[in-house]
C-alpha atoms as a PDB file:
ATOM      1  CA  MET A   1      68.586  21.306 104.461  1.00  0.00           C
ATOM      2  CA  THR A   2      65.525  22.328 106.137  1.00  0.00           C
ATOM      3  CA  LYS A   3      63.383  25.479 106.008  1.00  0.00           C
ATOM      4  CA  SER A   4      64.953  26.745 109.252  1.00  0.00           C
ATOM      5  CA  GLU A   5      68.293  25.992 108.129  1.00  0.00           C
ATOM      6  CA  LEU A   6      67.360  27.751 104.889  1.00  0.00           C
ATOM      7  CA  ILE A   7      65.970  30.810 106.924  1.00  0.00           C
ATOM      8  CA  GLU A   8      69.452  30.819 108.852  1.00  0.00           C
ATOM      9  CA  ALA A   9      71.662  30.753 105.974  1.00  0.00           C
ATOM     10  CA  ILE A  10      69.809  33.597 104.200  1.00  0.00           C
ATOM     11  CA  ALA A  11      69.871  35.709 107.512  1.00  0.00           C
ATOM     12  CA  ALA A  12      73.388  35.250 107.589  1.00  0.00           C
ATOM     13  CA  ARG A  13      74.072  35.847 103.882  1.00  0.00           C
ATOM     14  CA  GLY A  14      72.133  38.668 103.496  1.00  0.00           C
ATOM     15  CA  GLU A  15      72.898  40.250 106.889  1.00  0.00           C
ATOM     16  CA  LEU A  16      68.913  40.096 107.536  1.00  0.00           C
ATOM     17  CA  THR A  17      67.096  39.133 110.843  1.00  0.00           C
ATOM     18  CA  LYS A  18      65.923  35.597 111.146  1.00  0.00           C
ATOM     19  CA  ALA A  19      62.586  37.193 111.131  1.00  0.00           C
ATOM     20  CA  ARG A  20      62.939  38.982 107.805  1.00  0.00           C
ATOM     21  CA  ALA A  21      64.597  36.429 106.465  1.00  0.00           C
ATOM     22  CA  GLU A  22      61.797  34.062 107.404  1.00  0.00           C
ATOM     23  CA  GLN A  23      59.326  36.726 105.657  1.00  0.00           C
ATOM     24  CA  VAL A  24      61.554  36.226 102.615  1.00  0.00           C
ATOM     25  CA  VAL A  25      61.472  32.593 102.457  1.00  0.00           C
ATOM     26  CA  ASN A  26      57.498  32.228 102.885  1.00  0.00           C
ATOM     27  CA  CYS A  27      57.012  34.828 100.532  1.00  0.00           C
ATOM     28  CA  VAL A  28      58.978  32.763  97.963  1.00  0.00           C
ATOM     29  CA  PHE A  29      57.557  29.422  98.761  1.00  0.00           C
ATOM     30  CA  ASP A  30      53.898  30.998  98.767  1.00  0.00           C
ATOM     31  CA  ALA A  31      54.529  32.683  95.340  1.00  0.00           C
ATOM     32  CA  MET A  32      55.790  29.581  93.824  1.00  0.00           C
ATOM     33  CA  THR A  33      52.709  27.395  95.322  1.00  0.00           C
ATOM     34  CA  GLU A  34      50.279  29.963  93.826  1.00  0.00           C
ATOM     35  CA  ALA A  35      51.754  29.412  90.654  1.00  0.00           C
ATOM     36  CA  LEU A  36      51.531  25.751  90.760  1.00  0.00           C
ATOM     37  CA  GLN A  37      48.051  25.992  91.731  1.00  0.00           C
ATOM     38  CA  ARG A  38      47.208  28.001  88.713  1.00  0.00           C
ATOM     39  CA  THR A  39      49.409  25.298  86.835  1.00  0.00           C
ATOM     40  CA  ASP A  40      51.732  28.268  85.825  1.00  0.00           C
ATOM     41  CA  GLY A  41      55.263  26.582  85.164  1.00  0.00           C
ATOM     42  CA  ILE A  42      58.422  28.188  87.141  1.00  0.00           C
ATOM     43  CA  GLU A  43      61.681  28.536  85.757  1.00  0.00           C
ATOM     44  CA  ILE A  44      64.857  29.356  87.518  1.00  0.00           C
ATOM     45  CA  ARG A  45      67.617  29.540  85.451  1.00  0.00           C
ATOM     46  CA  GLY A  46      70.604  27.281  86.122  1.00  0.00           C
ATOM     47  CA  PHE A  47      68.598  25.954  89.090  1.00  0.00           C
ATOM     48  CA  GLY A  48      65.700  23.862  87.528  1.00  0.00           C
ATOM     49  CA  SER A  49      62.005  24.404  86.702  1.00  0.00           C
ATOM     50  CA  PHE A  50      58.481  23.150  88.236  1.00  0.00           C
ATOM     51  CA  THR A  51      55.709  22.177  86.596  1.00  0.00           C
ATOM     52  CA  VAL A  52      52.396  20.598  87.278  1.00  0.00           C
ATOM     53  CA  ARG A  53      51.904  17.131  85.559  1.00  0.00           C
ATOM     54  CA  PRO A  54      48.453  15.544  84.984  1.00  0.00           C
ATOM     55  CA  TYR A  55      47.720  11.798  85.725  1.00  0.00           C
ATOM     56  CA  LYS A  56      45.243   9.898  84.503  1.00  0.00           C
ATOM     57  CA  PRO A  57      42.768   7.597  86.952  1.00  0.00           C
ATOM     58  CA  TYR A  58      44.262   3.930  87.022  1.00  0.00           C
ATOM     59  CA  ALA A  59      43.550   0.733  89.219  1.00  0.00           C
ATOM     60  CA  GLY A  60      46.111   0.327  92.036  1.00  0.00           C
ATOM     61  CA  ARG A  61      46.558  -2.197  94.232  1.00  0.00           C
ATOM     62  CA  ASN A  62      46.510  -2.019  98.137  1.00  0.00           C
ATOM     63  CA  PRO A  63      49.900  -3.486  99.156  1.00  0.00           C
ATOM     64  CA  ARG A  64      48.883  -5.540 101.945  1.00  0.00           C
ATOM     65  CA  THR A  65      45.674  -7.113 100.835  1.00  0.00           C
ATOM     66  CA  GLY A  66      46.419  -6.902  97.076  1.00  0.00           C
ATOM     67  CA  GLN A  67      42.706  -5.785  96.181  1.00  0.00           C
ATOM     68  CA  ALA A  68      42.435  -3.432  93.599  1.00  0.00           C
ATOM     69  CA  VAL A  69      42.019   0.514  94.583  1.00  0.00           C
ATOM     70  CA  PRO A  70      40.651   3.067  92.395  1.00  0.00           C
ATOM     71  CA  VAL A  71      43.186   5.812  92.045  1.00  0.00           C
ATOM     72  CA  PRO A  72      41.605   9.040  90.931  1.00  0.00           C
ATOM     73  CA  ALA A  73      42.962  11.518  88.375  1.00  0.00           C
ATOM     74  CA  LYS A  74      45.539  14.120  89.943  1.00  0.00           C
ATOM     75  CA  ARG A  75      47.784  16.775  89.469  1.00  0.00           C
ATOM     76  CA  LEU A  76      51.262  16.550  90.905  1.00  0.00           C
ATOM     77  CA  PRO A  77      54.312  18.898  90.885  1.00  0.00           C
ATOM     78  CA  PHE A  78      57.323  17.894  88.922  1.00  0.00           C
ATOM     79  CA  PHE A  79      60.780  19.496  89.300  1.00  0.00           C
ATOM     80  CA  LYS A  80      63.362  18.972  86.277  1.00  0.00           C
ATOM     81  CA  VAL A  81      66.962  20.000  87.598  1.00  0.00           C
ATOM     82  CA  GLY A  82      68.826  22.505  85.587  1.00  0.00           C
ATOM     83  CA  LYS A  83      71.995  22.222  83.821  1.00  0.00           C
ATOM     84  CA  GLU A  84      74.270  24.050  85.689  1.00  0.00           C
ATOM     85  CA  LEU A  85      72.900  22.496  89.258  1.00  0.00           C
ATOM     86  CA  LYS A  86      73.391  18.978  87.975  1.00  0.00           C
ATOM     87  CA  GLU A  87      76.917  19.736  87.059  1.00  0.00           C
ATOM     88  CA  LEU A  88      77.649  21.192  90.356  1.00  0.00           C
ATOM     89  CA  VAL A  89      76.152  18.218  92.061  1.00  0.00           C
ATOM     90  CA  ASN A  90      77.747  15.933  89.953  1.00  0.00           C
ATOM     91  CA  ALA A  91      81.398  17.670  90.581  1.00  0.00           C
ATOM     92  CA  SER A  92      80.792  17.805  94.277  1.00  0.00           C
ATOM     93  CA  GLN A  93      79.869  13.856  94.319  1.00  0.00           C
ATOM     94  CA  HIS A  94      82.842  13.096  92.548  1.00  0.00           C
ATOM     95  CA  ILE A  95      84.933  15.003  94.976  1.00  0.00           C
ATOM     96  CA  ALA A  96      83.168  12.936  97.841  1.00  0.00           C
ATOM     97  CA  LEU A  97      83.437   9.824  95.923  1.00  0.00           C
ATOM     98  CA  GLN A  98      87.642  10.553  95.738  1.00  0.00           C
ATOM     99  CA  SER A  99      87.611  11.205  99.378  1.00  0.00           C
ATOM    100  CA  ASP A 100      85.808   7.885 100.012  1.00  0.00           C
ATOM    101  CA  GLU A 101      88.138   5.756  97.989  1.00  0.00           C
ATOM    102  CA  ASP A 102      91.219   7.669  99.639  1.00  0.00           C
ATOM    103  CA  ASP A 103      89.791   6.685 103.033  1.00  0.00           C
ATOM    104  CA  ASP A 104      89.404   2.652 101.665  1.00  0.00           C
ATOM    105  CA  ASP A 105      93.121   2.670 101.339  1.00  0.00           C
ATOM    106  CA  ASP A 106      94.092   3.495 105.215  1.00  0.00           C
END
């Protein structure tokens, strides 16, 4: 799902105009981005949590030349899926796998 598809889905479900739904989506993403910039965690029960993980500098390798390249220390966002979302995704995958298996029998 792309951002524009998300905006359309929110507009349809919430009976909002697309412009208003876009404002809502942008507001949510902006608030999440600002929280992660402050290294605050974000927890959405049933969905998952976003945290910022620090990584130490290390010596990497250029895949083309094999030459050592220094990689600086960095902080990156990390998403941990929530239990409910994980169960929903696994349940839907099971359904898809069953239908795939049924197609093989034809």
